[in-house]
C-alpha atoms as a PDB file:
ATOM      1  CA  MET A   1     -58.286  40.158  23.275  1.00  0.00           C
ATOM      2  CA  TYR A   2     -60.309  37.065  22.345  1.00  0.00           C
ATOM      3  CA  ASP A   3     -58.507  34.702  24.680  1.00  0.00           C
ATOM      4  CA  ASN A   4     -59.207  37.171  27.477  1.00  0.00           C
ATOM      5  CA  LEU A   5     -62.903  36.971  26.592  1.00  0.00           C
ATOM      6  CA  LEU A   6     -62.776  33.181  26.976  1.00  0.00           C
ATOM      7  CA  LYS A   7     -60.884  33.542  30.237  1.00  0.00           C
ATOM      8  CA  GLU A   8     -63.420  35.916  31.768  1.00  0.00           C
ATOM      9  CA  SER A   9     -66.510  34.172  30.380  1.00  0.00           C
ATOM     10  CA  PHE A  10     -65.559  30.598  31.270  1.00  0.00           C
ATOM     11  CA  TYR A  11     -62.915  31.024  34.008  1.00  0.00           C
ATOM     12  CA  LEU A  12     -60.119  29.390  32.027  1.00  0.00           C
ATOM     13  CA  ASN A  13     -56.638  29.073  33.474  1.00  0.00           C
ATOM     14  CA  SER A  14     -53.407  29.823  31.613  1.00  0.00           C
ATOM     15  CA  PHE A  15     -52.900  26.175  30.628  1.00  0.00           C
ATOM     16  CA  GLN A  16     -56.367  25.984  29.057  1.00  0.00           C
ATOM     17  CA  LEU A  17     -55.884  29.306  27.255  1.00  0.00           C
ATOM     18  CA  ASN A  18     -52.647  27.984  25.811  1.00  0.00           C
ATOM     19  CA  GLN A  19     -54.464  24.878  24.610  1.00  0.00           C
ATOM     20  CA  PHE A  20     -56.915  27.072  22.698  1.00  0.00           C
ATOM     21  CA  LYS A  21     -54.037  29.026  21.134  1.00  0.00           C
ATOM     22  CA  LYS A  22     -52.460  25.784  19.930  1.00  0.00           C
ATOM     23  CA  TYR A  23     -55.839  24.639  18.628  1.00  0.00           C
ATOM     24  CA  TYR A  24     -56.336  27.853  16.663  1.00  0.00           C
ATOM     25  CA  PHE A  25     -52.893  27.880  15.043  1.00  0.00           C
ATOM     26  CA  PHE A  26     -52.963  24.190  14.138  1.00  0.00           C
ATOM     27  CA  LEU A  27     -56.456  24.610  12.676  1.00  0.00           C
ATOM     28  CA  LYS A  28     -55.190  27.428  10.431  1.00  0.00           C
ATOM     29  CA  ILE A  29     -52.211  25.383   9.271  1.00  0.00           C
ATOM     30  CA  CYS A  30     -54.198  22.239   8.500  1.00  0.00           C
ATOM     31  CA  ASN A  31     -57.024  24.121   6.812  1.00  0.00           C
ATOM     32  CA  LYS A  32     -54.674  24.915   3.925  1.00  0.00           C
ATOM     33  CA  LYS A  33     -54.776  21.231   2.944  1.00  0.00           C
ATOM     34  CA  VAL A  34     -58.075  20.032   4.402  1.00  0.00           C
ATOM     35  CA  ASN A  35     -61.369  21.941   4.352  1.00  0.00           C
ATOM     36  CA  LEU A  36     -61.993  21.993   8.093  1.00  0.00           C
ATOM     37  CA  THR A  37     -63.782  25.344   8.378  1.00  0.00           C
ATOM     38  CA  SER A  38     -64.602  28.422   6.317  1.00  0.00           C
ATOM     39  CA  LEU A  39     -64.100  30.582   9.419  1.00  0.00           C
ATOM     40  CA  LEU A  40     -60.400  31.265   9.885  1.00  0.00           C
ATOM     41  CA  SER A  41     -59.962  34.751  11.312  1.00  0.00           C
ATOM     42  CA  GLU A  42     -58.975  34.846  14.961  1.00  0.00           C
ATOM     43  CA  ARG A  43     -62.243  36.576  15.820  1.00  0.00           C
ATOM     44  CA  ASP A  44     -64.384  34.019  14.020  1.00  0.00           C
ATOM     45  CA  VAL A  45     -62.586  30.964  15.394  1.00  0.00           C
ATOM     46  CA  TYR A  46     -62.565  32.247  18.965  1.00  0.00           C
ATOM     47  CA  ILE A  47     -66.175  33.460  18.936  1.00  0.00           C
ATOM     48  CA  LYS A  48     -68.056  31.311  16.411  1.00  0.00           C
ATOM     49  CA  HIS A  49     -66.229  28.087  17.239  1.00  0.00           C
ATOM     50  CA  PHE A  50     -64.624  28.249  20.697  1.00  0.00           C
ATOM     51  CA  TYR A  51     -67.061  30.559  22.502  1.00  0.00           C
ATOM     52  CA  ASP A  52     -70.087  28.964  20.837  1.00  0.00           C
ATOM     53  CA  SER A  53     -68.906  25.513  21.919  1.00  0.00           C
ATOM     54  CA  LEU A  54     -68.073  26.518  25.473  1.00  0.00           C
ATOM     55  CA  PHE A  55     -71.408  28.274  25.961  1.00  0.00           C
ATOM     56  CA  ILE A  56     -72.988  24.849  26.362  1.00  0.00           C
ATOM     57  CA  SER A  57     -71.439  24.789  29.832  1.00  0.00           C
ATOM     58  CA  LYS A  58     -73.681  27.747  30.736  1.00  0.00           C
ATOM     59  CA  ILE A  59     -76.878  25.822  30.006  1.00  0.00           C
ATOM     60  CA  ILE A  60     -75.907  22.227  30.847  1.00  0.00           C
ATOM     61  CA  ASN A  61     -74.181  21.258  34.096  1.00  0.00           C
ATOM     62  CA  LEU A  62     -71.344  19.248  32.581  1.00  0.00           C
ATOM     63  CA  LYS A  63     -69.854  18.558  36.011  1.00  0.00           C
ATOM     64  CA  LYS A  64     -72.658  16.013  36.486  1.00  0.00           C
ATOM     65  CA  ILE A  65     -71.969  14.327  33.148  1.00  0.00           C
ATOM     66  CA  LYS A  66     -69.264  11.660  32.879  1.00  0.00           C
ATOM     67  CA  ASN A  67     -69.165  11.401  29.109  1.00  0.00           C
ATOM     68  CA  LEU A  68     -70.646  12.859  25.962  1.00  0.00           C
ATOM     69  CA  CYS A  69     -70.719  12.066  22.271  1.00  0.00           C
ATOM     70  CA  ASP A  70     -70.158  14.722  19.615  1.00  0.00           C
ATOM     71  CA  LEU A  71     -71.870  13.430  16.473  1.00  0.00           C
ATOM     72  CA  GLY A  72     -70.477  14.783  13.188  1.00  0.00           C
ATOM     73  CA  THR A  73     -67.766  16.687  15.038  1.00  0.00           C
ATOM     74  CA  GLY A  74     -65.909  17.997  11.969  1.00  0.00           C
ATOM     75  CA  ALA A  75     -62.894  19.894  13.291  1.00  0.00           C
ATOM     76  CA  GLY A  76     -63.785  18.979  16.878  1.00  0.00           C
ATOM     77  CA  PHE A  77     -66.524  21.460  17.720  1.00  0.00           C
ATOM     78  CA  PRO A  78     -67.984  21.426  20.316  1.00  0.00           C
ATOM     79  CA  GLY A  79     -66.438  18.249  21.767  1.00  0.00           C
ATOM     80  CA  ILE A  80     -62.790  19.290  22.078  1.00  0.00           C
ATOM     81  CA  PRO A  81     -63.433  22.774  23.540  1.00  0.00           C
ATOM     82  CA  LEU A  82     -65.765  21.195  26.100  1.00  0.00           C
ATOM     83  CA  LYS A  83     -63.063  18.670  26.981  1.00  0.00           C
ATOM     84  CA  ILE A  84     -60.531  21.469  27.495  1.00  0.00           C
ATOM     85  CA  LEU A  85     -62.981  23.216  29.824  1.00  0.00           C
ATOM     86  CA  ASN A  86     -63.971  19.980  31.620  1.00  0.00           C
ATOM     87  CA  PRO A  87     -60.921  17.685  31.853  1.00  0.00           C
ATOM     88  CA  HIS A  88     -62.941  15.013  33.702  1.00  0.00           C
ATOM     89  CA  LEU A  89     -65.145  14.314  30.676  1.00  0.00           C
ATOM     90  CA  GLU A  90     -64.838  11.287  28.470  1.00  0.00           C
ATOM     91  CA  VAL A  91     -65.495  12.581  24.956  1.00  0.00           C
ATOM     92  CA  PHE A  92     -66.438  10.443  21.973  1.00  0.00           C
ATOM     93  CA  LEU A  93     -66.084  12.067  18.551  1.00  0.00           C
ATOM     94  CA  ILE A  94     -67.824  10.544  15.523  1.00  0.00           C
ATOM     95  CA  GLU A  95     -66.703  11.773  12.098  1.00  0.00           C
ATOM     96  CA  SER A  96     -67.074  10.034   8.729  1.00  0.00           C
ATOM     97  CA  ASN A  97     -64.514  12.175   6.856  1.00  0.00           C
ATOM     98  CA  LYS A  98     -61.128  10.441   7.055  1.00  0.00           C
ATOM     99  CA  LYS A  99     -59.057  13.606   6.528  1.00  0.00           C
ATOM    100  CA  LYS A 100     -60.883  15.353   9.359  1.00  0.00           C
ATOM    101  CA  VAL A 101     -60.291  12.315  11.575  1.00  0.00           C
ATOM    102  CA  ILE A 102     -56.543  12.564  10.914  1.00  0.00           C
ATOM    103  CA  PHE A 103     -56.694  16.212  12.024  1.00  0.00           C
ATOM    104  CA  LEU A 104     -58.681  15.281  15.139  1.00  0.00           C
ATOM    105  CA  LYS A 105     -56.172  12.655  16.222  1.00  0.00           C
ATOM    106  CA  LYS A 106     -53.282  15.071  15.717  1.00  0.00           C
ATOM    107  CA  ILE A 107     -54.867  17.942  17.642  1.00  0.00           C
ATOM    108  CA  ILE A 108     -55.844  15.623  20.505  1.00  0.00           C
ATOM    109  CA  SER A 109     -52.178  14.587  20.730  1.00  0.00           C
ATOM    110  CA  ILE A 110     -50.904  18.182  20.489  1.00  0.00           C
ATOM    111  CA  LEU A 111     -53.248  19.310  23.257  1.00  0.00           C
ATOM    112  CA  ASP A 112     -52.334  16.257  25.353  1.00  0.00           C
ATOM    113  CA  LEU A 113     -55.972  15.343  25.940  1.00  0.00           C
ATOM    114  CA  SER A 114     -56.764  12.013  27.573  1.00  0.00           C
ATOM    115  CA  ASN A 115     -59.997  10.028  27.289  1.00  0.00           C
ATOM    116  CA  VAL A 116     -60.951  11.491  23.926  1.00  0.00           C
ATOM    117  CA  PHE A 117     -61.913   8.787  21.436  1.00  0.00           C
ATOM    118  CA  VAL A 118     -62.296   9.279  17.688  1.00  0.00           C
ATOM    119  CA  PHE A 119     -64.424   7.048  15.470  1.00  0.00           C
ATOM    120  CA  ASN A 120     -64.017   7.262  11.700  1.00  0.00           C
ATOM    121  CA  GLN A 121     -67.390   5.873  10.680  1.00  0.00           C
ATOM    122  CA  LYS A 122     -70.958   6.707   9.841  1.00  0.00           C
ATOM    123  CA  VAL A 123     -73.328   6.783  12.785  1.00  0.00           C
ATOM    124  CA  GLU A 124     -75.229   3.771  11.446  1.00  0.00           C
ATOM    125  CA  GLN A 125     -72.024   1.737  11.876  1.00  0.00           C
ATOM    126  CA  HIS A 126     -71.447   2.860  15.464  1.00  0.00           C
ATOM    127  CA  ASN A 127     -72.000   0.169  18.086  1.00  0.00           C
ATOM    128  CA  TYR A 128     -72.268   2.259  21.261  1.00  0.00           C
ATOM    129  CA  LYS A 129     -75.107   4.228  22.819  1.00  0.00           C
ATOM    130  CA  TYR A 130     -74.771   7.342  24.981  1.00  0.00           C
ATOM    131  CA  ASN A 131     -76.694   9.242  27.615  1.00  0.00           C
ATOM    132  CA  PHE A 132     -75.731  12.638  26.202  1.00  0.00           C
ATOM    133  CA  ILE A 133     -75.305  13.545  22.522  1.00  0.00           C
ATOM    134  CA  ILE A 134     -74.365  16.912  21.031  1.00  0.00           C
ATOM    135  CA  THR A 135     -74.623  17.814  17.357  1.00  0.00           C
ATOM    136  CA  ARG A 136     -73.568  20.938  15.507  1.00  0.00           C
ATOM    137  CA  SER A 137     -73.849  21.676  11.766  1.00  0.00           C
ATOM    138  CA  LEU A 138     -75.042  18.139  11.074  1.00  0.00           C
ATOM    139  CA  GLY A 139     -78.024  19.103   8.921  1.00  0.00           C
ATOM    140  CA  SER A 140     -81.734  19.696   9.361  1.00  0.00           C
ATOM    141  CA  LEU A 141     -83.375  18.844  12.660  1.00  0.00           C
ATOM    142  CA  ASN A 142     -85.043  15.763  11.183  1.00  0.00           C
ATOM    143  CA  ILE A 143     -81.656  14.492  10.009  1.00  0.00           C
ATOM    144  CA  VAL A 144     -80.190  15.217  13.451  1.00  0.00           C
ATOM    145  CA  LEU A 145     -82.991  13.290  15.198  1.00  0.00           C
ATOM    146  CA  LYS A 146     -82.780  10.389  12.768  1.00  0.00           C
ATOM    147  CA  LEU A 147     -79.006   9.939  13.107  1.00  0.00           C
ATOM    148  CA  SER A 148     -78.986  10.541  16.863  1.00  0.00           C
ATOM    149  CA  SER A 149     -81.685   7.928  17.395  1.00  0.00           C
ATOM    150  CA  PHE A 150     -79.168   5.190  16.528  1.00  0.00           C
ATOM    151  CA  ILE A 151     -76.821   6.043  19.396  1.00  0.00           C
ATOM    152  CA  THR A 152     -78.924   7.682  22.118  1.00  0.00           C
ATOM    153  CA  LYS A 153     -79.850   5.544  25.101  1.00  0.00           C
ATOM    154  CA  LYS A 154     -83.445   5.333  26.268  1.00  0.00           C
ATOM    155  CA  LYS A 155     -84.140   8.435  28.400  1.00  0.00           C
ATOM    156  CA  GLY A 156     -80.871   9.917  27.142  1.00  0.00           C
ATOM    157  CA  TYR A 157     -80.490  13.530  26.009  1.00  0.00           C
ATOM    158  CA  LEU A 158     -79.694  15.211  22.711  1.00  0.00           C
ATOM    159  CA  LEU A 159     -78.570  18.836  22.420  1.00  0.00           C
ATOM    160  CA  ALA A 160     -78.887  20.160  18.870  1.00  0.00           C
ATOM    161  CA  MET A 161     -76.955  23.361  18.224  1.00  0.00           C
ATOM    162  CA  LYS A 162     -78.855  25.426  15.655  1.00  0.00           C
ATOM    163  CA  GLY A 163     -79.016  28.917  14.181  1.00  0.00           C
ATOM    164  CA  PRO A 164     -81.895  31.410  14.083  1.00  0.00           C
ATOM    165  CA  LYS A 165     -83.819  29.448  11.397  1.00  0.00           C
ATOM    166  CA  TYR A 166     -84.691  26.677  13.841  1.00  0.00           C
ATOM    167  CA  ILE A 167     -88.413  27.519  14.188  1.00  0.00           C
ATOM    168  CA  LYS A 168     -89.596  25.966  10.919  1.00  0.00           C
ATOM    169  CA  GLU A 169     -87.425  22.899  11.492  1.00  0.00           C
ATOM    170  CA  LEU A 170     -88.836  22.466  14.980  1.00  0.00           C
ATOM    171  CA  GLU A 171     -92.397  22.692  13.647  1.00  0.00           C
ATOM    172  CA  ASN A 172     -91.704  19.979  11.086  1.00  0.00           C
ATOM    173  CA  ILE A 173     -89.953  17.368  13.211  1.00  0.00           C
ATOM    174  CA  LYS A 174     -91.148  13.810  12.748  1.00  0.00           C
ATOM    175  CA  LYS A 175     -92.381  11.962  15.829  1.00  0.00           C
ATOM    176  CA  LYS A 176     -91.136   8.576  14.612  1.00  0.00           C
ATOM    177  CA  TYR A 177     -87.646   9.248  15.998  1.00  0.00           C
ATOM    178  CA  SER A 178     -88.885   8.913  19.616  1.00  0.00           C
ATOM    179  CA  PHE A 179     -87.492  12.220  20.915  1.00  0.00           C
ATOM    180  CA  ILE A 180     -89.437  14.617  23.118  1.00  0.00           C
ATOM    181  CA  PHE A 181     -88.592  18.304  22.794  1.00  0.00           C
ATOM    182  CA  LYS A 182     -87.792  19.621  26.268  1.00  0.00           C
ATOM    183  CA  LYS A 183     -86.370  23.146  26.101  1.00  0.00           C
ATOM    184  CA  LYS A 184     -84.703  25.776  23.939  1.00  0.00           C
ATOM    185  CA  PHE A 185     -81.843  28.040  24.980  1.00  0.00           C
ATOM    186  CA  ILE A 186     -81.381  31.245  22.965  1.00  0.00           C
ATOM    187  CA  SER A 187     -78.210  33.314  23.233  1.00  0.00           C
ATOM    188  CA  GLU A 188     -76.293  36.015  21.370  1.00  0.00           C
ATOM    189  CA  LEU A 189     -72.642  35.708  20.447  1.00  0.00           C
ATOM    190  CA  PRO A 190     -70.335  38.553  21.544  1.00  0.00           C
ATOM    191  CA  PHE A 191     -69.668  41.465  19.142  1.00  0.00           C
ATOM    192  CA  GLN A 192     -73.113  40.955  17.539  1.00  0.00           C
ATOM    193  CA  LEU A 193     -71.862  37.937  15.593  1.00  0.00           C
ATOM    194  CA  GLY A 194     -75.178  36.151  15.544  1.00  0.00           C
ATOM    195  CA  GLN A 195     -77.836  34.329  17.486  1.00  0.00           C
ATOM    196  CA  ARG A 196     -77.429  30.752  18.676  1.00  0.00           C
ATOM    197  CA  VAL A 197     -80.189  28.343  19.642  1.00  0.00           C
ATOM    198  CA  ASN A 198     -79.597  25.097  21.534  1.00  0.00           C
ATOM    199  CA  LEU A 199     -82.490  22.635  21.469  1.00  0.00           C
ATOM    200  CA  LEU A 200     -82.697  19.968  24.157  1.00  0.00           C
ATOM    201  CA  PHE A 201     -84.467  16.668  23.470  1.00  0.00           C
ATOM    202  CA  LYS A 202     -85.018  13.558  25.564  1.00  0.00           C
ATOM    203  CA  LYS A 203     -85.410  10.107  24.052  1.00  0.00           C
ATOM    204  CA  LYS A 204     -88.490   8.142  25.082  1.00  0.00           C
END
Protein backbone atom coordinates (compact mmCIF):
# COMPACT_ATOMS: atom_id res chain seq x y z
CA MET A 1 0.00 0.00 0.00
CA TYR A 2 2.61 2.56 1.07
CA ASP A 3 5.18 1.62 -1.54
CA ASN A 4 2.46 2.04 -4.15
CA LEU A 5 1.88 5.57 -2.82
CA LEU A 6 5.57 6.35 -3.34
CA LYS A 7 5.45 4.81 -6.80
CA GLU A 8 2.49 6.89 -7.93
CA SER A 9 3.58 10.12 -6.23
CA PHE A 10 7.21 10.11 -7.34
CA TYR A 11 7.23 7.77 -10.37
CA LEU A 12 9.56 5.21 -8.80
CA ASN A 13 10.56 2.08 -10.67
CA SER A 14 10.66 -1.42 -9.20
CA PHE A 15 14.38 -1.19 -8.40
CA GLN A 16 13.88 2.03 -6.42
CA LEU A 17 10.86 0.60 -4.59
CA ASN A 18 12.96 -2.39 -3.59
CA GLN A 19 15.64 -0.06 -2.28
CA PHE A 20 13.07 1.60 -0.01
CA LYS A 21 11.90 -1.81 1.25
CA LYS A 22 15.48 -2.73 2.15
CA TYR A 23 15.92 0.65 3.82
CA TYR A 24 12.80 0.18 5.93
CA PHE A 25 13.63 -3.34 7.11
CA PHE A 26 17.26 -2.53 7.91
CA LEU A 27 16.16 0.59 9.80
CA LYS A 28 13.83 -1.53 11.96
CA ILE A 29 16.55 -4.08 12.68
CA CYS A 30 19.21 -1.53 13.59
CA ASN A 31 16.85 0.59 15.67
CA LYS A 32 16.77 -2.19 18.27
CA LYS A 33 20.39 -1.36 19.14
CA VAL A 34 20.74 2.27 18.06
CA ASN A 35 18.15 5.01 18.57
CA LEU A 36 17.74 6.02 14.94
CA THR A 37 14.06 7.02 14.98
CA SER A 38 11.01 6.88 17.23
CA LEU A 39 8.83 6.25 14.16
CA LEU A 40 8.97 2.57 13.26
CA SER A 41 5.59 1.51 11.90
CA GLU A 42 5.50 0.94 8.16
CA ARG A 43 3.04 3.81 7.77
CA ASP A 44 5.16 6.26 9.73
CA VAL A 45 8.45 5.37 8.06
CA TYR A 46 7.00 5.46 4.55
CA ILE A 47 5.01 8.67 5.06
CA LYS A 48 6.83 10.70 7.73
CA HIS A 49 10.33 9.76 6.58
CA PHE A 50 10.33 8.56 2.96
CA TYR A 51 7.43 10.59 1.54
CA ASP A 52 8.41 13.69 3.51
CA SER A 53 11.96 13.46 2.19
CA LEU A 54 10.96 12.83 -1.41
CA PHE A 55 8.48 15.70 -1.43
CA ILE A 56 11.44 18.06 -1.74
CA SER A 57 11.64 16.97 -5.37
CA LYS A 58 8.21 18.56 -5.90
CA ILE A 59 9.41 22.01 -4.85
CA ILE A 60 13.08 21.99 -5.91
CA ASN A 61 14.22 20.90 -9.38
CA LEU A 62 16.89 18.45 -8.29
CA LYS A 63 17.70 17.55 -11.89
CA LYS A 64 19.52 20.90 -12.10
CA ILE A 65 21.51 20.24 -8.93
CA LYS A 66 24.72 18.20 -9.08
CA ASN A 67 25.22 17.74 -5.36
CA LEU A 68 23.65 18.49 -2.01
CA CYS A 69 24.62 18.32 1.64
CA ASP A 70 22.32 16.87 4.29
CA LEU A 71 23.38 18.47 7.57
CA GLY A 72 22.57 16.45 10.70
CA THR A 73 21.21 13.60 8.59
CA GLY A 74 20.53 11.16 11.45
CA ALA A 75 19.28 7.96 9.83
CA GLY A 76 19.76 9.43 6.35
CA PHE A 77 16.68 11.61 5.93
CA PRO A 78 16.24 13.32 3.53
CA GLY A 79 19.59 12.71 1.81
CA ILE A 80 19.37 8.98 1.08
CA PRO A 81 15.75 8.97 -0.18
CA LEU A 82 16.62 11.88 -2.48
CA LYS A 83 19.63 9.94 -3.77
CA ILE A 84 17.44 6.91 -4.50
CA LEU A 85 15.06 9.14 -6.45
CA ASN A 86 17.88 11.04 -8.22
CA PRO A 87 20.78 8.64 -8.89
CA HIS A 88 22.82 11.41 -10.56
CA LEU A 89 23.19 13.36 -7.31
CA GLU A 90 26.33 13.51 -5.26
CA VAL A 91 25.13 13.46 -1.65
CA PHE A 92 27.17 14.52 1.36
CA LEU A 93 25.87 13.42 4.76
CA ILE A 94 27.15 15.11 7.93
CA GLU A 95 26.40 13.36 11.22
CA SER A 96 28.21 13.74 14.56
CA ASN A 97 26.80 10.56 16.17
CA LYS A 98 29.23 7.71 15.50
CA LYS A 99 26.65 4.92 15.87
CA LYS A 100 24.37 6.61 13.34
CA VAL A 101 27.33 6.98 10.97
CA ILE A 102 27.96 3.22 11.18
CA PHE A 103 24.31 2.66 10.21
CA LEU A 104 24.60 5.14 7.33
CA LYS A 105 27.65 3.44 5.87
CA LYS A 106 25.97 0.04 6.09
CA ILE A 107 22.71 1.13 4.47
CA ILE A 108 24.58 2.93 1.67
CA SER A 109 26.39 -0.36 0.97
CA ILE A 110 23.19 -2.44 1.16
CA LEU A 111 21.41 -0.12 -1.26
CA ASP A 112 24.46 -0.07 -3.55
CA LEU A 113 24.51 3.73 -3.71
CA SER A 114 27.47 5.44 -5.34
CA ASN A 115 28.70 8.98 -4.72
CA VAL A 116 27.26 9.19 -1.22
CA PHE A 117 29.83 10.46 1.28
CA VAL A 118 29.48 10.30 5.06
CA PHE A 119 31.31 12.62 7.45
CA ASN A 120 31.41 11.75 11.15
CA GLN A 121 32.07 15.21 12.53
CA LYS A 122 30.51 18.38 13.83
CA VAL A 123 29.74 20.98 11.20
CA GLU A 124 32.32 23.36 12.67
CA GLN A 125 34.99 20.77 11.78
CA HIS A 126 33.82 20.36 8.19
CA ASN A 127 36.16 21.81 5.57
CA TYR A 128 33.88 21.95 2.52
CA LYS A 129 31.24 24.42 1.38
CA TYR A 130 28.16 23.62 -0.70
CA ASN A 131 25.73 25.35 -3.02
CA PHE A 132 22.72 23.48 -1.63
CA ILE A 133 22.15 22.45 2.00
CA ILE A 134 19.17 20.60 3.47
CA THR A 135 18.45 20.23 7.17
CA ARG A 136 15.75 18.29 8.98
CA SER A 137 15.19 17.97 12.74
CA LEU A 138 18.41 19.86 13.47
CA GLY A 139 16.93 22.28 16.00
CA SER A 140 15.50 25.78 16.04
CA LEU A 141 15.77 27.93 12.94
CA ASN A 142 18.48 30.08 14.51
CA ILE A 143 20.54 26.97 15.22
CA VAL A 144 19.96 25.77 11.65
CA LEU A 145 21.11 29.12 10.20
CA LYS A 146 24.12 29.30 12.49
CA LEU A 147 25.38 25.79 11.68
CA SER A 148 24.58 26.06 7.97
CA SER A 149 26.49 29.32 7.69
CA PHE A 150 29.77 27.42 8.15
CA ILE A 151 29.29 25.28 5.05
CA THR A 152 27.07 27.24 2.66
CA LYS A 153 28.77 28.96 -0.25
CA LYS A 154 28.11 32.62 -0.98
CA LYS A 155 24.81 32.82 -2.91
CA GLY A 156 24.17 29.18 -2.02
CA TYR A 157 20.80 27.86 -0.83
CA LEU A 158 19.54 26.33 2.40
CA LEU A 159 16.28 24.39 2.67
CA ALA A 160 15.13 23.99 6.27
CA MET A 161 12.48 21.32 6.77
CA LYS A 162 10.20 22.40 9.62
CA GLY A 163 6.85 21.59 11.21
CA PRO A 164 3.79 23.79 11.74
CA LYS A 165 5.43 25.80 14.58
CA TYR A 166 7.79 27.55 12.18
CA ILE A 167 6.12 31.00 12.31
CA LYS A 168 7.56 32.13 15.65
CA GLU A 169 10.99 30.79 14.72
CA LEU A 170 10.89 32.65 11.42
CA GLU A 171 9.96 35.89 13.19
CA ASN A 172 12.90 35.55 15.56
CA ILE A 173 15.71 34.69 13.15
CA LYS A 174 18.93 36.61 13.65
CA LYS A 175 20.27 38.57 10.68
CA LYS A 176 23.92 38.00 11.63
CA TYR A 177 23.96 34.63 9.85
CA SER A 178 23.80 36.31 6.40
CA PHE A 179 20.82 34.36 5.05
CA ILE A 180 17.92 35.94 3.18
CA PHE A 181 14.54 34.24 3.51
CA LYS A 182 13.23 33.56 0.01
CA LYS A 183 10.13 31.36 0.11
CA LYS A 184 8.07 28.91 2.13
CA PHE A 185 6.44 25.74 0.82
CA ILE A 186 3.54 24.33 2.86
CA SER A 187 2.22 20.82 2.27
CA GLU A 188 0.13 18.15 3.97
CA LEU A 189 1.30 14.58 4.43
CA PRO A 190 -1.02 11.82 3.15
CA PHE A 191 -3.57 10.24 5.54
CA GLN A 192 -3.74 13.51 7.54
CA LEU A 193 -0.41 12.77 9.22
CA GLY A 194 0.59 16.38 9.62
CA GLN A 195 1.65 19.59 7.96
CA ARG A 196 5.16 20.14 6.62
CA VAL A 197 6.83 23.47 5.92
CA ASN A 198 10.01 23.85 3.87
CA LEU A 199 11.76 27.20 4.21
CA LEU A 200 14.16 28.31 1.49
CA PHE A 201 17.01 30.70 2.28
CA LYS A 202 19.79 32.18 0.17
CA LYS A 203 23.15 33.18 1.61
CA LYS A 204 24.32 36.72 0.91
